[in-house]
Amino acid sequence: MNLLRPISIFAGCLMLVAGASAQIQLTPPAAQTPPGKPAARKETPKPKAAAVAKKPAATPKPAATPTPTPTPTPTFDDPNVDSVYGAYQRGLYKTTFDLATTRAQYARDPKAMTMLGELYANALGVKRDYAKAAEWYQRAADGGDREGMFALAMMRLAGRGGPVNREEAVKLLASSAKLGNPKAAYNLALLYLDGQTLPQDLKRAAELLRVAADAGSPEAQYALATFYKEGTGVPKDIDKAVRLLQAASLADNVDAEVEYAIALYNGTGTPKNQAAGVALLRKAARQNSPIAQNRLARVLVSGQGAPMDKIEGLKWHIVAKTAGKGDLELDEALANLSAEDRTKAEEAARKWIGKDVK
C-alpha cells in the first residue's frame, strides 16, 4: 500500500479564507486531483476560498472570489480607550457599546468607531444591523483606522450593509494593507490570485502573501508555502515551503499540519522523522481533517512509521470515508478483518462520529 505521498496544495491556497482543508495524498508519486473548494468562515467564508483552490496546470485556475472573513477585534493603542477594549474582552458588550459611543461621538476616536461596527455586525450588546455597522466602519476608515478599512472591505465584498462593491473593497484592502494589516494583505492576495475581481497577478499575490506571512498569519504562511512548492509567482523552493508549513502548523493551521506531517514522514525539505510526522497526523485527525484521518489510517494499517493497529487505523478510515474521503485499498483491508475486529473498528468509528456530532 502506498503511503505518504507528496501532494499538490496550490488549490488549497484559494480556500484559505474560508476554512476547508486542501486535499493531499500520502502515497508515492502519482497524478493528483486538485483539492476541493473551501467553505466560509465566521462572518465570512473561506476559498477553501476564502483560502485555496485545487492545483491547475501552468496557470492556476481562478477560484471563487473570497468572501469576507470575520470582523477583526479592534485594538486600542490610546490608554484612554482601554476601558472600551477591556469591557469587550470581558464580554460586557452593553458597557462596551456605551463607552465606545461616548469615545466615538465626543473624541472622534476611529478605533471606538470600529468597535461600534463590530458590535452591530455581530449582534453584541445591540441588535444586528449591517447598515449601522457599515456606517461606523466607514467613519473609522475615513479616520484612518486600518481595522475599520478591512472590516468595511469585507462587508463590501459580501454585500452586507449595502450593495456589493468590489472596486471599493479593493481600495480599502489596499489601504489597510499599506498600513500593515496582514489580514488585508492576505485577502487582497486572494483577489489577485482568483483573477476575477482583479486581473490575475501571481507575482503580486505572492508579494502580498509574504507580507501577511511575515506578520504571522498562518493562512498566509500556508498559502505562500503552496506557492513555493509549486513555483507559483515565486521560484520553486521546497525548503522555504516546508519552513512556512512548519510555522503555520505551529499556529494550529490544520491543512499545514497535514502537509508538514507528510514532509516529516518522507524527509522532504526537512530531516526525516516518521514518528513526529505520525504524531502530527494524529493531531490533525483529531481536529477532524479527513485527509489526516485517511493518511493516519494508511500508516496504522500498514505498520509503516508506527506500530501496526488495524482496528484503530480502520476506525479512522471509516470516519474519513463518512466525511467523503474514501479509499478502496482501505475498504479492502476492512473487508479482510475478522468479523469481531471489523465490529470493533465500526463501533470505535461510530463512537468518534457520535462524539463529534454532540
Protein backbone atom coordinates (compact mmCIF):
# COMPACT_ATOMS: atom_id res chain seq x y z
CA MET A 1 0.00 0.00 0.00
CA ASN A 2 1.39 3.39 -0.98
CA LEU A 3 1.74 5.72 1.94
CA LEU A 4 2.69 9.32 2.47
CA ARG A 5 2.85 10.76 -0.95
CA PRO A 6 3.84 14.36 -1.58
CA ILE A 7 0.79 16.32 -2.54
CA SER A 8 -0.12 19.28 -4.58
CA ILE A 9 -1.64 22.03 -2.48
CA PHE A 10 -1.87 25.01 -4.79
CA ALA A 11 -5.61 24.69 -4.88
CA GLY A 12 -5.80 24.84 -1.16
CA CYS A 13 -4.49 28.37 -1.22
CA LEU A 14 -7.63 29.87 -2.65
CA MET A 15 -9.62 28.24 0.04
CA LEU A 16 -7.70 29.56 2.96
CA VAL A 17 -10.05 32.42 3.62
CA ALA A 18 -12.95 30.18 4.29
CA GLY A 19 -11.87 27.04 6.07
CA ALA A 20 -11.63 23.81 4.21
CA SER A 21 -8.63 21.57 4.09
CA ALA A 22 -6.68 21.04 0.94
CA GLN A 23 -6.66 17.50 -0.31
CA ILE A 24 -3.41 15.70 -0.31
CA GLN A 25 -2.14 12.21 -0.72
CA LEU A 26 0.23 10.30 1.40
CA THR A 27 1.43 7.97 -1.28
CA PRO A 28 4.41 8.00 -3.63
CA PRO A 29 4.10 9.97 -6.85
CA ALA A 30 1.04 9.73 -8.97
CA ALA A 31 -1.33 12.08 -10.71
CA GLN A 32 -3.27 14.28 -8.34
CA THR A 33 -6.70 15.69 -8.27
CA PRO A 34 -6.92 19.30 -7.18
CA PRO A 35 -8.28 19.80 -3.70
CA GLY A 36 -11.85 20.81 -3.20
CA LYS A 37 -13.06 24.29 -2.58
CA PRO A 38 -13.42 25.61 0.96
CA ALA A 39 -16.32 26.96 2.87
CA ALA A 40 -16.80 30.25 4.58
CA ARG A 41 -15.61 31.45 7.94
CA LYS A 42 -17.08 33.12 10.91
CA GLU A 43 -18.54 36.13 9.31
CA THR A 44 -17.00 35.33 6.05
CA PRO A 45 -16.32 32.24 4.04
CA LYS A 46 -13.08 30.51 3.16
CA PRO A 47 -11.94 29.67 -0.59
CA LYS A 48 -11.13 26.74 0.84
CA ALA A 49 -11.87 30.02 -0.98
CA ALA A 50 -11.65 32.15 1.25
CA ALA A 51 -8.31 30.26 1.33
CA VAL A 52 -7.19 27.97 -1.59
CA ALA A 53 -8.46 26.02 -4.63
CA LYS A 54 -7.14 22.91 -6.37
CA LYS A 55 -3.99 22.87 -8.34
CA PRO A 56 -4.12 23.68 -12.03
CA ALA A 57 -1.54 23.17 -14.69
CA ALA A 58 0.61 26.06 -15.76
CA THR A 59 -1.75 28.83 -14.84
CA PRO A 60 -3.80 28.37 -11.68
CA LYS A 61 -7.49 28.13 -12.21
CA PRO A 62 -9.24 31.13 -10.73
CA ALA A 63 -11.26 30.26 -7.70
CA ALA A 64 -14.37 31.86 -6.41
CA THR A 65 -13.86 35.33 -5.07
CA PRO A 66 -13.09 35.13 -1.37
CA THR A 67 -15.89 36.04 0.95
CA PRO A 68 -15.33 38.22 3.95
CA THR A 69 -13.55 36.88 6.96
CA PRO A 70 -14.72 37.52 10.48
CA THR A 71 -14.55 41.13 11.52
CA PRO A 72 -11.34 41.70 13.45
CA THR A 73 -11.48 42.78 17.05
CA PRO A 74 -10.20 46.34 17.21
CA THR A 75 -7.17 47.06 19.33
CA PHE A 76 -6.75 50.27 21.21
CA ASP A 77 -3.38 51.95 21.49
CA ASP A 78 -4.73 55.01 23.29
CA PRO A 79 -4.72 54.38 27.08
CA ASN A 80 -7.98 56.33 27.28
CA VAL A 81 -9.69 53.66 25.25
CA ASP A 82 -8.51 50.72 27.38
CA SER A 83 -11.82 50.73 29.22
CA VAL A 84 -13.63 50.07 25.93
CA TYR A 85 -11.45 47.16 24.92
CA GLY A 86 -11.34 45.83 28.49
CA ALA A 87 -15.13 45.72 28.64
CA TYR A 88 -15.21 43.98 25.26
CA GLN A 89 -12.73 41.32 26.41
CA ARG A 90 -14.83 40.62 29.50
CA GLY A 91 -17.95 40.17 27.38
CA LEU A 92 -19.61 43.31 28.76
CA TYR A 93 -20.97 44.30 25.37
CA LYS A 94 -23.61 46.77 26.53
CA THR A 95 -20.95 48.58 28.55
CA THR A 96 -18.61 48.39 25.57
CA PHE A 97 -21.30 49.94 23.39
CA ASP A 98 -21.90 52.82 25.80
CA LEU A 99 -18.20 53.55 26.28
CA ALA A 100 -17.38 53.26 22.57
CA THR A 101 -20.32 55.52 21.67
CA THR A 102 -19.01 58.20 24.01
CA ARG A 103 -15.48 57.89 22.61
CA ALA A 104 -16.72 57.94 19.01
CA GLN A 105 -19.06 60.90 19.41
CA TYR A 106 -17.02 63.14 21.67
CA ALA A 107 -13.41 62.15 20.95
CA ARG A 108 -13.96 61.19 17.30
CA ASP A 109 -11.88 58.08 18.02
CA PRO A 110 -11.63 55.85 14.89
CA LYS A 111 -10.93 52.71 16.92
CA ALA A 112 -14.04 53.25 19.00
CA MET A 113 -15.94 53.63 15.72
CA THR A 114 -14.55 50.30 14.52
CA MET A 115 -15.65 48.76 17.80
CA LEU A 116 -19.18 50.01 17.25
CA GLY A 117 -19.13 48.47 13.78
CA GLU A 118 -18.00 45.20 15.36
CA LEU A 119 -20.83 45.25 17.88
CA TYR A 120 -23.50 45.97 15.26
CA ALA A 121 -22.11 43.45 12.76
CA ASN A 122 -22.04 40.63 15.31
CA ALA A 123 -25.10 41.49 17.41
CA LEU A 124 -23.02 42.02 20.55
CA GLY A 125 -24.95 44.08 23.09
CA VAL A 126 -27.15 45.50 20.33
CA LYS A 127 -29.41 44.14 17.63
CA ARG A 128 -27.51 43.12 14.49
CA ASP A 129 -27.63 45.92 11.96
CA TYR A 130 -25.27 45.65 8.99
CA ALA A 131 -26.20 49.10 7.71
CA LYS A 132 -25.17 50.72 11.00
CA ALA A 133 -22.07 48.51 11.15
CA ALA A 134 -21.04 49.67 7.68
CA GLU A 135 -21.71 53.27 8.63
CA TRP A 136 -19.41 53.06 11.67
CA TYR A 137 -16.75 51.15 9.76
CA GLN A 138 -16.88 53.85 7.09
CA ARG A 139 -16.34 56.57 9.67
CA ALA A 140 -13.47 54.60 11.17
CA ALA A 141 -11.92 54.08 7.74
CA ASP A 142 -12.26 57.79 6.99
CA GLY A 143 -10.44 58.40 10.25
CA GLY A 144 -7.54 56.21 9.13
CA ASP A 145 -8.19 53.03 11.14
CA ARG A 146 -6.85 50.03 9.25
CA GLU A 147 -9.16 47.57 11.03
CA GLY A 148 -12.19 49.64 10.07
CA MET A 149 -10.97 49.68 6.46
CA PHE A 150 -10.57 45.91 6.45
CA ALA A 151 -13.95 45.23 8.04
CA LEU A 152 -15.72 47.57 5.61
CA ALA A 153 -13.93 45.93 2.66
CA MET A 154 -15.20 42.52 3.78
CA MET A 155 -18.74 43.86 4.02
CA ARG A 156 -18.48 45.37 0.53
CA LEU A 157 -17.32 42.03 -0.87
CA ALA A 158 -20.19 40.21 0.83
CA GLY A 159 -22.83 42.82 0.04
CA ARG A 160 -23.67 43.37 3.71
CA GLY A 161 -24.88 46.77 4.82
CA GLY A 162 -25.10 47.84 1.19
CA PRO A 163 -24.64 46.52 -2.35
CA VAL A 164 -21.59 44.51 -3.37
CA ASN A 165 -18.85 46.93 -4.38
CA ARG A 166 -15.66 45.09 -5.31
CA GLU A 167 -13.90 48.19 -6.56
CA GLU A 168 -14.33 49.95 -3.23
CA ALA A 169 -13.39 46.75 -1.39
CA VAL A 170 -10.10 46.52 -3.30
CA LYS A 171 -9.22 50.13 -2.47
CA LEU A 172 -10.00 49.59 1.20
CA LEU A 173 -7.97 46.38 1.35
CA ALA A 174 -5.03 48.07 -0.35
CA SER A 175 -5.17 51.00 2.10
CA SER A 176 -5.44 48.69 5.10
CA ALA A 177 -2.60 46.50 3.85
CA LYS A 178 -0.44 49.58 3.29
CA LEU A 179 -0.99 50.44 6.96
CA GLY A 180 0.33 47.00 7.91
CA ASN A 181 -2.83 44.92 8.31
CA PRO A 182 -1.86 41.29 7.49
CA LYS A 183 -5.49 40.20 7.07
CA ALA A 184 -5.97 42.84 4.40
CA ALA A 185 -2.78 41.81 2.60
CA TYR A 186 -3.88 38.17 2.67
CA ASN A 187 -7.37 38.81 1.31
CA LEU A 188 -6.04 41.18 -1.35
CA ALA A 189 -3.63 38.43 -2.41
CA LEU A 190 -6.59 36.10 -2.88
CA LEU A 191 -8.25 38.61 -5.18
CA TYR A 192 -5.10 38.80 -7.31
CA LEU A 193 -4.96 35.03 -7.31
CA ASP A 194 -8.51 34.29 -8.42
CA GLY A 195 -8.29 36.73 -11.33
CA GLN A 196 -11.95 37.78 -11.21
CA THR A 197 -12.18 40.95 -9.16
CA LEU A 198 -8.66 41.94 -10.22
CA PRO A 199 -6.56 40.81 -13.19
CA GLN A 200 -4.73 37.68 -12.12
CA ASP A 201 -1.22 38.55 -10.97
CA LEU A 202 0.54 35.66 -9.28
CA LYS A 203 3.69 37.63 -8.53
CA ARG A 204 1.73 40.37 -6.77
CA ALA A 205 -0.30 37.75 -4.91
CA ALA A 206 2.93 36.15 -3.69
CA GLU A 207 4.28 39.53 -2.53
CA LEU A 208 1.16 40.23 -0.50
CA LEU A 209 1.14 36.73 0.97
CA ARG A 210 4.75 37.24 2.03
CA VAL A 211 3.79 40.44 3.85
CA ALA A 212 0.98 38.66 5.69
CA ALA A 213 3.11 35.56 6.35
CA ASP A 214 5.93 37.65 7.80
CA ALA A 215 3.37 39.28 10.09
CA GLY A 216 2.47 35.82 11.43
CA SER A 217 -0.72 34.95 9.53
CA PRO A 218 -0.96 31.11 9.49
CA GLU A 219 -3.33 31.21 6.50
CA ALA A 220 -0.86 33.30 4.54
CA GLN A 221 2.04 31.08 5.59
CA TYR A 222 0.19 28.03 4.35
CA ALA A 223 -0.84 29.70 1.09
CA LEU A 224 2.67 31.00 0.43
CA ALA A 225 4.03 27.52 1.14
CA THR A 226 1.91 26.24 -1.73
CA PHE A 227 3.35 28.92 -3.98
CA TYR A 228 6.92 27.86 -3.17
CA LYS A 229 6.02 24.20 -3.51
CA GLU A 230 4.54 24.69 -6.98
CA GLY A 231 6.73 27.58 -8.16
CA THR A 232 3.72 29.87 -8.47
CA GLY A 233 4.64 33.56 -8.60
CA VAL A 234 7.98 32.71 -6.95
CA PRO A 235 10.89 30.39 -7.78
CA LYS A 236 10.13 26.84 -6.68
CA ASP A 237 11.75 26.21 -3.30
CA ILE A 238 10.75 23.14 -1.28
CA ASP A 239 12.85 24.15 1.73
CA LYS A 240 11.07 27.50 2.05
CA ALA A 241 7.74 25.80 1.53
CA VAL A 242 8.39 23.39 4.37
CA ARG A 243 9.60 26.14 6.73
CA LEU A 244 6.35 28.02 6.08
CA LEU A 245 4.33 24.85 6.63
CA GLN A 246 6.11 24.36 9.93
CA ALA A 247 5.31 27.91 11.04
CA ALA A 248 1.64 27.59 10.07
CA SER A 249 1.48 24.17 11.71
CA LEU A 250 2.79 25.60 14.99
CA ALA A 251 -0.10 28.09 14.81
CA ASP A 252 -2.56 25.15 14.55
CA ASN A 253 -3.43 25.54 10.87
CA VAL A 254 -4.81 22.05 10.21
CA ASP A 255 -4.03 22.00 6.49
CA ALA A 256 -0.44 22.93 7.25
CA GLU A 257 -0.24 20.26 9.94
CA VAL A 258 -1.16 17.59 7.39
CA GLU A 259 1.29 18.90 4.79
CA TYR A 260 4.10 19.27 7.29
CA ALA A 261 3.40 15.81 8.69
CA ILE A 262 3.89 14.34 5.23
CA ALA A 263 7.11 16.31 4.75
CA LEU A 264 8.44 14.98 8.05
CA TYR A 265 7.37 11.43 7.25
CA ASN A 266 9.08 11.50 3.86
CA GLY A 267 12.01 13.72 4.81
CA THR A 268 11.12 16.28 2.16
CA GLY A 269 12.72 19.68 2.78
CA THR A 270 13.37 18.68 6.40
CA PRO A 271 15.16 15.85 8.22
CA LYS A 272 13.10 12.66 8.05
CA ASN A 273 11.18 11.98 11.27
CA GLN A 274 8.38 9.49 10.81
CA ALA A 275 7.42 9.45 14.49
CA ALA A 276 6.93 13.24 14.51
CA GLY A 277 5.04 13.06 11.22
CA VAL A 278 2.65 10.41 12.54
CA ALA A 279 2.13 12.37 15.78
CA LEU A 280 1.17 15.43 13.74
CA LEU A 281 -1.19 13.32 11.62
CA ARG A 282 -2.86 12.12 14.81
CA LYS A 283 -3.31 15.70 15.96
CA ALA A 284 -4.86 16.77 12.65
CA ALA A 285 -7.05 13.64 12.57
CA ARG A 286 -8.43 14.53 16.00
CA GLN A 287 -9.15 18.00 14.63
CA ASN A 288 -11.40 16.26 12.10
CA SER A 289 -9.27 16.57 8.97
CA PRO A 290 -10.49 13.77 6.65
CA ILE A 291 -7.16 13.89 4.82
CA ALA A 292 -5.21 13.36 8.03
CA GLN A 293 -7.61 10.61 9.10
CA ASN A 294 -7.09 8.82 5.81
CA ARG A 295 -3.29 9.12 5.93
CA LEU A 296 -3.18 8.03 9.56
CA ALA A 297 -5.33 5.03 8.68
CA ARG A 298 -2.85 4.00 5.99
CA VAL A 299 0.08 4.28 8.39
CA LEU A 300 -1.60 2.27 11.13
CA VAL A 301 -2.94 -0.44 8.83
CA SER A 302 0.46 -0.92 7.16
CA GLY A 303 2.55 -0.51 10.30
CA GLN A 304 4.99 1.71 8.42
CA GLY A 305 6.12 4.57 10.65
CA ALA A 306 4.06 3.44 13.64
CA PRO A 307 3.13 0.16 15.34
CA MET A 308 0.51 -1.68 13.31
CA ASP A 309 -3.01 -1.24 14.69
CA LYS A 310 -5.59 -2.27 12.12
CA ILE A 311 -8.60 -1.68 14.34
CA GLU A 312 -7.55 1.89 15.16
CA GLY A 313 -6.43 2.51 11.58
CA LEU A 314 -9.67 1.29 10.07
CA LYS A 315 -11.63 3.28 12.62
CA TRP A 316 -10.04 6.39 11.11
CA HIS A 317 -10.72 5.06 7.61
CA ILE A 318 -14.44 4.75 8.39
CA VAL A 319 -14.50 8.24 9.92
CA ALA A 320 -12.70 9.72 6.90
CA LYS A 321 -14.98 7.88 4.49
CA THR A 322 -18.03 9.26 6.29
CA ALA A 323 -16.60 12.74 5.63
CA GLY A 324 -16.18 11.93 1.93
CA LYS A 325 -12.56 10.73 1.87
CA GLY A 326 -12.94 7.17 0.62
CA ASP A 327 -10.11 4.73 -0.04
CA LEU A 328 -10.56 1.48 -1.99
CA GLU A 329 -7.43 -0.14 -0.55
CA LEU A 330 -8.59 0.51 2.98
CA ASP A 331 -12.07 -0.74 2.09
CA GLU A 332 -10.41 -3.99 1.11
CA ALA A 333 -8.41 -4.09 4.35
CA LEU A 334 -11.62 -3.57 6.32
CA ALA A 335 -13.35 -6.37 4.44
CA ASN A 336 -10.46 -8.72 5.26
CA LEU A 337 -10.72 -8.15 9.01
CA SER A 338 -12.30 -10.83 11.15
CA ALA A 339 -15.95 -10.17 11.93
CA GLU A 340 -15.01 -9.41 15.55
CA ASP A 341 -12.30 -6.89 14.67
CA ARG A 342 -14.45 -5.27 11.99
CA THR A 343 -17.18 -4.75 14.58
CA LYS A 344 -14.64 -3.16 16.94
CA ALA A 345 -13.44 -0.77 14.24
CA GLU A 346 -17.01 0.18 13.27
CA GLU A 347 -18.04 0.73 16.89
CA ALA A 348 -14.96 2.89 17.52
CA ALA A 349 -15.79 4.96 14.43
CA ARG A 350 -19.41 5.37 15.50
CA LYS A 351 -18.29 6.50 18.93
CA TRP A 352 -15.97 9.12 17.40
CA ILE A 353 -18.54 10.37 14.93
CA GLY A 354 -21.20 10.48 17.65
CA LYS A 355 -18.85 12.45 19.87
CA ASP A 356 -18.23 14.84 17.02
CA VAL A 357 -21.94 15.33 16.38
CA LYS A 358 -22.68 16.21 20.00
